[in-house]
Amino acid sequence: MVSLPHRGVGAQAGGRVTLAVTDRWVFVKDLSKDAPPGALGATVLDNVTLTAAEFKGLAPADPKAGAEWSVPEATARKFFPVLSAADTVFRDAREVTSVRLAGRVEEVKGGLAYLAFEGDIAATHVGTKSEAREGKQCSSEAKLLGGTGVYDAKAGRLVALTLVYDGRFRNYPPYDAPARFGAVVEWVSGSEKR
């Protein structure tokens, strides 16, 4: 039995999808080499749930080579879970201070459109009394290093999506030196992920 059977795979009733989010702290500056033991923090799992209409915004309206589009801001804001690298600090799309997510059709081959994505997201969380951080702020930002997707032009639907982010988190003062993290968002249409 799978406890989250739709996390990162398939669609649910009404076309809703749940994209899988994985975050990790990165405690090394040079990522061009294999990371030494202990250079990566614990894995934090989360998700982004989108309605059928929101999910449609991740796909091109016209799947022809060179076509570009911007994902609607309200949908892009829902990607805020990529900003919580350890605790689930950011729990509301209203904390997002800036966001941009755009796609481009790189090529169409055999009825499949191969997509590329770019963008960034940032948010600020204001501590609450119940967190014992009332009025203090922490922030996080992430740049989309690379994003790919596959769109079935014949069926008119997205079949795969992967987004990779490089982020910086600033904790509450006085512990607000930027800390690096990475985040990945993944989804596939069918059981091929299992």
Foldseek 3Di string as FASTA:
>chain_A
DDPCVQAQEAADPQRKGKWKKKKKFAQDDDPPDDDDPPRIHDIDIDIQIDGNVLQLLVDFPDLAAFDKDWRDPVSQLSVVQNFDRDDSQDDDSVQKPDKTKMKGFHHADPQKTKMKMWMKTKGKGADPVVNVRHRWIKMKMKTFPIKIWIARNVVGGTFWIKTKIWMWIADTPPRGDTTIMIMMIIHGHHPPVD
